[in-house]
Amino acid sequence: MNSSLRILVVDDEPLARAKLLRLLGEESGVEVAGEASSFAEAASAIRRLRPDLLLLDVQLPDRSGFELLDAVPLELRPEVIFVTAHDEHAVRAFAVRAVDYLVKPYDRERLRVALDRGREQALRRRREARTLAGEPADAGGEPEPVTRFVVRSVGRLLLIDVGEVDWIEAAGNYVRLHHGRESHLLRETMSSLEARLSPRRFARIHRSTIVNLERVRELHHILHGDYSVLLRDGTRLTLSRGYREQFERLIAGAADLRVSG
């Protein structure tokens, strides 16, 4: 399965669309399928382009974003992130199963969290569609969870079992694998690698950090809803607030985990 997230931007304000397109252009693992400024343009684009995700303004010049969703057949409806200046529609947005609800002005970090959620939902929907169609789990080329990394190091190839990796950090178009006292660069983006890692073993805790759950020892509250994640080897990492809820679900029940603050 192609893990790239195909996005349709729907907003009647040219400056708002331009900002979204600029921010999306800086993200790896996303593809802008198109843009629309009205109900009619968006409805047509959804049927023609079949995007995975809508970045959708609530108020369009001719009809509302909610009316747009009602007009699209369920089998064609993409995942939705509402991007709007009005916070009073949030309850209704989640009632129609929006992935997220961003209130302008939002920052790059908040958008990235929303995109990660959109990607997760889009991948789940693709898997469910293939299951209903009776296709095998790996149909369409979806990779099984990676079990071993192959990295180049000074003229040699190293084979690193995935369970030996303590944490992973973004490094441009590369990722850096940390295991013990060593670290190695792997040519892959965080988003594509995250899609290939087992969610039972690894979790995204920051836009630039993935951690091996088995290496987490303690959580310490710091500032503004962020936490410090202490690994068993003494490494400290930041758990940003946008990833906190999902991370807490994954580590729930860990008897040897201490949480302070």
C-alpha atoms as a PDB file:
ATOM      1  CA  MET A   1       0.000   0.000   0.000  1.00  0.00           C
ATOM      2  CA  ASN A   2       1.193   3.483  -0.789  1.00  0.00           C
ATOM      3  CA  SER A   3       1.426   5.304   2.574  1.00  0.00           C
ATOM      4  CA  SER A   4       1.351   8.749   0.937  1.00  0.00           C
ATOM      5  CA  LEU A   5      -1.678  10.755   2.054  1.00  0.00           C
ATOM      6  CA  ARG A   6      -3.584  12.345  -0.864  1.00  0.00           C
ATOM      7  CA  ILE A   7      -5.215  15.579   0.273  1.00  0.00           C
ATOM      8  CA  LEU A   8      -7.875  17.872  -1.178  1.00  0.00           C
ATOM      9  CA  VAL A   9      -7.843  21.417   0.242  1.00  0.00           C
ATOM     10  CA  VAL A  10     -11.290  23.059   0.339  1.00  0.00           C
ATOM     11  CA  ASP A  11     -11.417  26.718   1.422  1.00  0.00           C
ATOM     12  CA  ASP A  12     -12.958  29.757  -0.247  1.00  0.00           C
ATOM     13  CA  GLU A  13     -10.250  32.134   1.050  1.00  0.00           C
ATOM     14  CA  PRO A  14      -7.256  32.286  -1.347  1.00  0.00           C
ATOM     15  CA  LEU A  15      -4.810  33.256   1.408  1.00  0.00           C
ATOM     16  CA  ALA A  16      -5.952  30.415   3.647  1.00  0.00           C
ATOM     17  CA  ARG A  17      -5.594  27.899   0.798  1.00  0.00           C
ATOM     18  CA  ALA A  18      -2.155  29.276  -0.048  1.00  0.00           C
ATOM     19  CA  LYS A  19      -1.008  28.870   3.553  1.00  0.00           C
ATOM     20  CA  LEU A  20      -2.239  25.283   3.690  1.00  0.00           C
ATOM     21  CA  LEU A  21      -0.613  24.426   0.374  1.00  0.00           C
ATOM     22  CA  ARG A  22       2.671  25.929   1.563  1.00  0.00           C
ATOM     23  CA  LEU A  23       2.624  23.982   4.818  1.00  0.00           C
ATOM     24  CA  LEU A  24       1.673  20.759   3.063  1.00  0.00           C
ATOM     25  CA  GLY A  25       4.539  21.283   0.625  1.00  0.00           C
ATOM     26  CA  GLU A  26       6.924  21.116   3.589  1.00  0.00           C
ATOM     27  CA  GLU A  27       5.567  17.769   4.787  1.00  0.00           C
ATOM     28  CA  SER A  28       6.852  14.358   3.775  1.00  0.00           C
ATOM     29  CA  GLY A  29       4.434  11.579   2.934  1.00  0.00           C
ATOM     30  CA  VAL A  30       1.653  13.857   1.688  1.00  0.00           C
ATOM     31  CA  GLU A  31       0.439  14.661  -1.813  1.00  0.00           C
ATOM     32  CA  VAL A  32      -1.865  17.572  -2.660  1.00  0.00           C
ATOM     33  CA  ALA A  33      -4.434  15.988  -4.963  1.00  0.00           C
ATOM     34  CA  GLY A  34      -6.133  19.324  -5.662  1.00  0.00           C
ATOM     35  CA  GLU A  35      -7.868  22.377  -4.239  1.00  0.00           C
ATOM     36  CA  ALA A  36     -11.392  23.791  -4.363  1.00  0.00           C
ATOM     37  CA  SER A  37     -13.051  27.030  -3.286  1.00  0.00           C
ATOM     38  CA  SER A  38     -16.747  26.121  -3.390  1.00  0.00           C
ATOM     39  CA  PHE A  39     -19.247  23.368  -2.697  1.00  0.00           C
ATOM     40  CA  ALA A  40     -19.626  22.490  -6.384  1.00  0.00           C
ATOM     41  CA  GLU A  41     -15.878  22.399  -7.066  1.00  0.00           C
ATOM     42  CA  ALA A  42     -15.234  20.276  -3.993  1.00  0.00           C
ATOM     43  CA  ALA A  43     -18.024  17.778  -4.735  1.00  0.00           C
ATOM     44  CA  SER A  44     -16.715  17.317  -8.260  1.00  0.00           C
ATOM     45  CA  ALA A  45     -13.095  17.022  -7.122  1.00  0.00           C
ATOM     46  CA  ILE A  46     -13.918  14.352  -4.532  1.00  0.00           C
ATOM     47  CA  ARG A  47     -15.558  12.154  -7.160  1.00  0.00           C
ATOM     48  CA  ARG A  48     -12.813  12.784  -9.718  1.00  0.00           C
ATOM     49  CA  LEU A  49      -9.692  12.687  -7.548  1.00  0.00           C
ATOM     50  CA  ARG A  50     -10.715  10.254  -4.768  1.00  0.00           C
ATOM     51  CA  PRO A  51      -8.530  11.904  -2.077  1.00  0.00           C
ATOM     52  CA  ASP A  52      -7.749  10.182   1.219  1.00  0.00           C
ATOM     53  CA  LEU A  53      -8.327  13.329   3.248  1.00  0.00           C
ATOM     54  CA  LEU A  54     -10.171  16.649   3.080  1.00  0.00           C
ATOM     55  CA  LEU A  55      -8.851  19.794   4.732  1.00  0.00           C
ATOM     56  CA  LEU A  56     -12.254  21.438   4.814  1.00  0.00           C
ATOM     57  CA  ASP A  57     -13.509  24.855   5.869  1.00  0.00           C
ATOM     58  CA  VAL A  58     -16.889  24.806   7.613  1.00  0.00           C
ATOM     59  CA  GLN A  59     -18.282  27.843   5.808  1.00  0.00           C
ATOM     60  CA  LEU A  60     -18.177  27.826   2.006  1.00  0.00           C
ATOM     61  CA  PRO A  61     -19.740  30.608  -0.097  1.00  0.00           C
ATOM     62  CA  ASP A  62     -22.595  28.527  -1.477  1.00  0.00           C
ATOM     63  CA  ARG A  63     -23.203  25.806   1.154  1.00  0.00           C
ATOM     64  CA  SER A  64     -21.516  24.507   4.301  1.00  0.00           C
ATOM     65  CA  GLY A  65     -18.803  21.913   4.690  1.00  0.00           C
ATOM     66  CA  PHE A  66     -21.296  19.690   6.522  1.00  0.00           C
ATOM     67  CA  GLU A  67     -23.643  19.836   3.536  1.00  0.00           C
ATOM     68  CA  LEU A  68     -20.734  18.832   1.327  1.00  0.00           C
ATOM     69  CA  LEU A  69     -20.163  15.694   3.393  1.00  0.00           C
ATOM     70  CA  ASP A  70     -23.876  14.854   3.262  1.00  0.00           C
ATOM     71  CA  ALA A  71     -23.795  15.139  -0.537  1.00  0.00           C
ATOM     72  CA  VAL A  72     -20.910  12.682  -0.967  1.00  0.00           C
ATOM     73  CA  PRO A  73     -21.774   8.950  -0.969  1.00  0.00           C
ATOM     74  CA  LEU A  74     -20.310   7.153   2.041  1.00  0.00           C
ATOM     75  CA  GLU A  75     -18.159   4.914  -0.147  1.00  0.00           C
ATOM     76  CA  LEU A  76     -16.490   8.007  -1.663  1.00  0.00           C
ATOM     77  CA  ARG A  77     -16.251  10.144   1.464  1.00  0.00           C
ATOM     78  CA  PRO A  78     -12.637  10.838   2.501  1.00  0.00           C
ATOM     79  CA  GLU A  79     -11.416  11.344   6.036  1.00  0.00           C
ATOM     80  CA  VAL A  80     -12.003  14.955   7.129  1.00  0.00           C
ATOM     81  CA  ILE A  81     -10.067  17.557   9.083  1.00  0.00           C
ATOM     82  CA  PHE A  82     -12.030  20.773   9.525  1.00  0.00           C
ATOM     83  CA  VAL A  83      -9.894  23.912   9.240  1.00  0.00           C
ATOM     84  CA  THR A  84     -11.930  26.923  10.273  1.00  0.00           C
ATOM     85  CA  ALA A  85     -11.971  30.231  12.133  1.00  0.00           C
ATOM     86  CA  HIS A  86     -15.070  29.174  14.082  1.00  0.00           C
ATOM     87  CA  ASP A  87     -14.822  26.896  17.114  1.00  0.00           C
ATOM     88  CA  GLU A  88     -18.562  26.584  17.748  1.00  0.00           C
ATOM     89  CA  HIS A  89     -18.928  23.762  15.190  1.00  0.00           C
ATOM     90  CA  ALA A  90     -16.497  21.372  16.878  1.00  0.00           C
ATOM     91  CA  VAL A  91     -19.149  19.140  18.481  1.00  0.00           C
ATOM     92  CA  ARG A  92     -20.972  18.720  15.190  1.00  0.00           C
ATOM     93  CA  ALA A  93     -17.663  18.054  13.409  1.00  0.00           C
ATOM     94  CA  PHE A  94     -16.840  15.110  15.636  1.00  0.00           C
ATOM     95  CA  ALA A  95     -20.424  13.881  15.347  1.00  0.00           C
ATOM     96  CA  VAL A  96     -19.770  13.369  11.625  1.00  0.00           C
ATOM     97  CA  ARG A  97     -16.529  11.554  12.588  1.00  0.00           C
ATOM     98  CA  ALA A  98     -14.044  14.208  11.602  1.00  0.00           C
ATOM     99  CA  VAL A  99     -10.465  13.162  12.273  1.00  0.00           C
ATOM    100  CA  ASP A 100      -9.631  16.544  13.796  1.00  0.00           C
ATOM    101  CA  TYR A 101     -10.810  20.154  14.076  1.00  0.00           C
ATOM    102  CA  LEU A 102      -8.287  22.973  13.645  1.00  0.00           C
ATOM    103  CA  VAL A 103      -9.182  26.524  14.615  1.00  0.00           C
ATOM    104  CA  LYS A 104      -7.325  29.287  12.791  1.00  0.00           C
ATOM    105  CA  PRO A 105      -4.715  30.445  13.432  1.00  0.00           C
ATOM    106  CA  TYR A 106      -3.085  27.051  13.980  1.00  0.00           C
ATOM    107  CA  ASP A 107       0.611  26.258  13.986  1.00  0.00           C
ATOM    108  CA  ARG A 108       2.690  23.802  11.971  1.00  0.00           C
ATOM    109  CA  GLU A 109       2.974  21.375  14.892  1.00  0.00           C
ATOM    110  CA  ARG A 110      -0.790  21.197  15.349  1.00  0.00           C
ATOM    111  CA  LEU A 111      -1.321  20.590  11.641  1.00  0.00           C
ATOM    112  CA  ARG A 112       1.221  17.765  11.665  1.00  0.00           C
ATOM    113  CA  VAL A 113      -0.565  16.047  14.527  1.00  0.00           C
ATOM    114  CA  ALA A 114      -3.834  16.275  12.595  1.00  0.00           C
ATOM    115  CA  LEU A 115      -2.205  14.899   9.439  1.00  0.00           C
ATOM    116  CA  ASP A 116      -0.787  11.954  11.383  1.00  0.00           C
ATOM    117  CA  ARG A 117      -4.271  11.166  12.638  1.00  0.00           C
ATOM    118  CA  GLY A 118      -5.656  11.483   9.127  1.00  0.00           C
ATOM    119  CA  ARG A 119      -3.032   9.112   7.768  1.00  0.00           C
ATOM    120  CA  GLU A 120      -3.762   6.542  10.455  1.00  0.00           C
ATOM    121  CA  GLN A 121      -7.485   6.633   9.691  1.00  0.00           C
ATOM    122  CA  ALA A 122      -6.949   6.496   5.921  1.00  0.00           C
ATOM    123  CA  LEU A 123      -4.679   3.442   6.205  1.00  0.00           C
ATOM    124  CA  ARG A 124      -7.188   1.720   8.475  1.00  0.00           C
ATOM    125  CA  ARG A 125      -9.976   2.382   5.996  1.00  0.00           C
ATOM    126  CA  ARG A 126      -7.934   0.898   3.131  1.00  0.00           C
ATOM    127  CA  ARG A 127      -7.277  -2.252   5.172  1.00  0.00           C
ATOM    128  CA  GLU A 128     -10.946  -2.603   6.068  1.00  0.00           C
ATOM    129  CA  ALA A 129     -11.987  -2.151   2.430  1.00  0.00           C
ATOM    130  CA  ARG A 130      -9.663  -4.953   1.315  1.00  0.00           C
ATOM    131  CA  THR A 131     -10.860  -7.212   4.111  1.00  0.00           C
ATOM    132  CA  LEU A 132     -14.489  -6.707   3.063  1.00  0.00           C
ATOM    133  CA  ALA A 133     -13.484  -7.457  -0.518  1.00  0.00           C
ATOM    134  CA  GLY A 134     -11.953 -10.741   0.599  1.00  0.00           C
ATOM    135  CA  GLU A 135      -8.429  -9.714  -0.381  1.00  0.00           C
ATOM    136  CA  PRO A 136      -5.395 -10.996   1.537  1.00  0.00           C
ATOM    137  CA  ALA A 137      -3.901  -8.764   4.238  1.00  0.00           C
ATOM    138  CA  ASP A 138      -0.900  -7.822   2.115  1.00  0.00           C
ATOM    139  CA  ALA A 139      -2.874  -7.058  -1.043  1.00  0.00           C
ATOM    140  CA  GLY A 140      -1.819  -3.921  -2.840  1.00  0.00           C
ATOM    141  CA  GLY A 141       1.708  -4.163  -1.527  1.00  0.00           C
ATOM    142  CA  GLU A 142       1.052  -3.112   2.073  1.00  0.00           C
ATOM    143  CA  PRO A 143       4.204  -3.986   3.986  1.00  0.00           C
ATOM    144  CA  GLU A 144       4.182  -6.267   7.003  1.00  0.00           C
ATOM    145  CA  PRO A 145       5.642  -4.666  10.144  1.00  0.00           C
ATOM    146  CA  VAL A 146       9.389  -4.353   9.699  1.00  0.00           C
ATOM    147  CA  THR A 147      11.445  -6.819  11.775  1.00  0.00           C
ATOM    148  CA  ARG A 148      14.974  -5.828  10.774  1.00  0.00           C
ATOM    149  CA  PHE A 149      16.752  -2.718   9.514  1.00  0.00           C
ATOM    150  CA  VAL A 150      19.546  -2.839   6.949  1.00  0.00           C
ATOM    151  CA  VAL A 151      21.884   0.167   7.213  1.00  0.00           C
ATOM    152  CA  ARG A 152      25.169   1.061   5.514  1.00  0.00           C
ATOM    153  CA  SER A 153      28.118   1.916   7.721  1.00  0.00           C
ATOM    154  CA  VAL A 154      31.654   2.545   6.406  1.00  0.00           C
ATOM    155  CA  GLY A 155      31.539   0.101   3.529  1.00  0.00           C
ATOM    156  CA  ARG A 156      29.545  -2.583   5.317  1.00  0.00           C
ATOM    157  CA  LEU A 157      25.917  -3.521   5.840  1.00  0.00           C
ATOM    158  CA  LEU A 158      24.556  -3.778   9.367  1.00  0.00           C
ATOM    159  CA  LEU A 159      21.492  -5.835  10.224  1.00  0.00           C
ATOM    160  CA  ILE A 160      19.692  -4.414  13.248  1.00  0.00           C
ATOM    161  CA  ASP A 161      16.738  -6.238  14.764  1.00  0.00           C
ATOM    162  CA  VAL A 162      13.844  -3.847  15.302  1.00  0.00           C
ATOM    163  CA  GLY A 163      13.598  -4.843  18.965  1.00  0.00           C
ATOM    164  CA  GLU A 164      17.128  -3.542  19.569  1.00  0.00           C
ATOM    165  CA  VAL A 165      16.168   0.025  18.625  1.00  0.00           C
ATOM    166  CA  ASP A 166      15.511   2.295  21.613  1.00  0.00           C
ATOM    167  CA  TRP A 167      14.170   5.311  19.755  1.00  0.00           C
ATOM    168  CA  ILE A 168      14.117   6.940  16.322  1.00  0.00           C
ATOM    169  CA  GLU A 169      14.510  10.594  15.383  1.00  0.00           C
ATOM    170  CA  ALA A 170      13.861  12.510  12.172  1.00  0.00           C
ATOM    171  CA  ALA A 171      16.862  13.805  10.235  1.00  0.00           C
ATOM    172  CA  GLY A 172      15.559  15.490   7.090  1.00  0.00           C
ATOM    173  CA  ASN A 173      14.843  12.797   4.504  1.00  0.00           C
ATOM    174  CA  TYR A 174      16.532  10.277   6.805  1.00  0.00           C
ATOM    175  CA  VAL A 175      15.827   8.811  10.220  1.00  0.00           C
ATOM    176  CA  ARG A 176      18.413   8.089  12.886  1.00  0.00           C
ATOM    177  CA  LEU A 177      18.105   4.759  14.693  1.00  0.00           C
ATOM    178  CA  HIS A 178      19.362   4.795  18.275  1.00  0.00           C
ATOM    179  CA  HIS A 179      20.257   1.472  19.855  1.00  0.00           C
ATOM    180  CA  GLY A 180      22.461   1.287  22.905  1.00  0.00           C
ATOM    181  CA  ARG A 181      25.398   3.649  22.465  1.00  0.00           C
ATOM    182  CA  GLU A 182      25.223   3.520  18.679  1.00  0.00           C
ATOM    183  CA  SER A 183      23.147   5.372  16.119  1.00  0.00           C
ATOM    184  CA  HIS A 184      22.816   4.933  12.358  1.00  0.00           C
ATOM    185  CA  LEU A 185      21.148   6.849   9.535  1.00  0.00           C
ATOM    186  CA  LEU A 186      18.510   5.150   7.419  1.00  0.00           C
ATOM    187  CA  ARG A 187      17.216   6.739   4.221  1.00  0.00           C
ATOM    188  CA  GLU A 188      13.489   6.863   4.984  1.00  0.00           C
ATOM    189  CA  THR A 189      11.033   9.467   6.202  1.00  0.00           C
ATOM    190  CA  MET A 190       9.393   9.304   9.617  1.00  0.00           C
ATOM    191  CA  SER A 191       5.912   8.932   8.148  1.00  0.00           C
ATOM    192  CA  SER A 192       6.780   6.032   5.854  1.00  0.00           C
ATOM    193  CA  LEU A 193       8.728   4.266   8.601  1.00  0.00           C
ATOM    194  CA  GLU A 194       5.962   4.766  11.146  1.00  0.00           C
ATOM    195  CA  ALA A 195       3.539   3.031   8.773  1.00  0.00           C
ATOM    196  CA  ARG A 196       5.833  -0.025   8.730  1.00  0.00           C
ATOM    197  CA  LEU A 197       6.422  -0.293  12.486  1.00  0.00           C
ATOM    198  CA  SER A 198       4.254  -2.406  14.755  1.00  0.00           C
ATOM    199  CA  PRO A 199       1.959  -0.083  16.776  1.00  0.00           C
ATOM    200  CA  ARG A 200       2.177  -2.584  19.640  1.00  0.00           C
ATOM    201  CA  ARG A 201       5.902  -1.932  19.943  1.00  0.00           C
ATOM    202  CA  PHE A 202       6.549   1.638  18.733  1.00  0.00           C
ATOM    203  CA  ALA A 203       4.724   4.946  19.242  1.00  0.00           C
ATOM    204  CA  ARG A 204       5.113   8.452  17.836  1.00  0.00           C
ATOM    205  CA  ILE A 205       5.587  10.886  20.743  1.00  0.00           C
ATOM    206  CA  HIS A 206       6.637  13.962  18.766  1.00  0.00           C
ATOM    207  CA  ARG A 207       6.678  14.941  15.106  1.00  0.00           C
ATOM    208  CA  SER A 208      10.394  14.081  15.091  1.00  0.00           C
ATOM    209  CA  THR A 209      10.476  11.166  17.564  1.00  0.00           C
ATOM    210  CA  ILE A 210       9.314   7.547  17.682  1.00  0.00           C
ATOM    211  CA  VAL A 211      10.019   5.471  20.787  1.00  0.00           C
ATOM    212  CA  ASN A 212      10.213   1.754  21.577  1.00  0.00           C
ATOM    213  CA  LEU A 213       7.508   1.306  24.222  1.00  0.00           C
ATOM    214  CA  GLU A 214       9.503  -1.412  25.962  1.00  0.00           C
ATOM    215  CA  ARG A 215      12.272   1.116  26.683  1.00  0.00           C
ATOM    216  CA  VAL A 216      10.044   3.646  28.471  1.00  0.00           C
ATOM    217  CA  ARG A 217      10.567   3.780  32.259  1.00  0.00           C
ATOM    218  CA  GLU A 218       9.012   7.030  33.505  1.00  0.00           C
ATOM    219  CA  LEU A 219       6.987  10.064  32.452  1.00  0.00           C
ATOM    220  CA  HIS A 220       7.532  13.480  34.037  1.00  0.00           C
ATOM    221  CA  HIS A 221       5.190  16.437  33.509  1.00  0.00           C
ATOM    222  CA  ILE A 222       7.004  19.561  32.298  1.00  0.00           C
ATOM    223  CA  LEU A 223       5.263  22.578  30.688  1.00  0.00           C
ATOM    224  CA  HIS A 224       2.143  23.325  28.619  1.00  0.00           C
ATOM    225  CA  GLY A 225       0.866  19.745  28.654  1.00  0.00           C
ATOM    226  CA  ASP A 226       4.170  18.245  27.488  1.00  0.00           C
ATOM    227  CA  TYR A 227       5.915  15.382  29.264  1.00  0.00           C
ATOM    228  CA  SER A 228       9.489  14.233  29.554  1.00  0.00           C
ATOM    229  CA  VAL A 229       9.858  10.556  28.635  1.00  0.00           C
ATOM    230  CA  LEU A 230      12.678   8.805  30.476  1.00  0.00           C
ATOM    231  CA  LEU A 231      14.044   5.670  28.833  1.00  0.00           C
ATOM    232  CA  ARG A 232      15.694   2.821  30.698  1.00  0.00           C
ATOM    233  CA  ASP A 233      19.157   3.923  29.537  1.00  0.00           C
ATOM    234  CA  GLY A 234      18.652   7.446  30.924  1.00  0.00           C
ATOM    235  CA  THR A 235      17.743   9.142  27.625  1.00  0.00           C
ATOM    236  CA  ARG A 236      15.126  11.889  27.999  1.00  0.00           C
ATOM    237  CA  LEU A 237      12.721  12.660  25.170  1.00  0.00           C
ATOM    238  CA  THR A 238       9.749  15.024  24.845  1.00  0.00           C
ATOM    239  CA  LEU A 239       6.178  13.769  24.570  1.00  0.00           C
ATOM    240  CA  SER A 240       4.285  16.650  22.932  1.00  0.00           C
ATOM    241  CA  ARG A 241       0.682  17.256  23.953  1.00  0.00           C
ATOM    242  CA  GLY A 242      -0.658  16.397  20.510  1.00  0.00           C
ATOM    243  CA  TYR A 243       0.522  12.785  20.886  1.00  0.00           C
ATOM    244  CA  ARG A 244      -0.130  12.387  24.605  1.00  0.00           C
ATOM    245  CA  GLU A 245      -3.623  10.839  24.475  1.00  0.00           C
ATOM    246  CA  GLN A 246      -2.655   8.141  21.987  1.00  0.00           C
ATOM    247  CA  PHE A 247       0.586   7.398  23.849  1.00  0.00           C
ATOM    248  CA  GLU A 248      -1.203   7.025  27.175  1.00  0.00           C
ATOM    249  CA  ARG A 249      -3.569   4.496  25.631  1.00  0.00           C
ATOM    250  CA  LEU A 250      -0.648   2.458  24.332  1.00  0.00           C
ATOM    251  CA  ILE A 251       1.176   2.336  27.658  1.00  0.00           C
ATOM    252  CA  ALA A 252      -1.920   1.847  29.823  1.00  0.00           C
ATOM    253  CA  GLY A 253      -1.437  -1.060  32.161  1.00  0.00           C
ATOM    254  CA  ALA A 254       2.354  -0.928  32.137  1.00  0.00           C
ATOM    255  CA  ALA A 255       2.960  -1.994  35.763  1.00  0.00           C
ATOM    256  CA  ASP A 256       6.572  -0.837  35.877  1.00  0.00           C
ATOM    257  CA  LEU A 257       5.958   2.634  34.445  1.00  0.00           C
ATOM    258  CA  ARG A 258       6.102   5.606  36.812  1.00  0.00           C
ATOM    259  CA  VAL A 259       4.290   8.864  36.068  1.00  0.00           C
ATOM    260  CA  SER A 260       5.029  12.047  38.006  1.00  0.00           C
ATOM    261  CA  GLY A 261       3.637  15.588  37.934  1.00  0.00           C
END
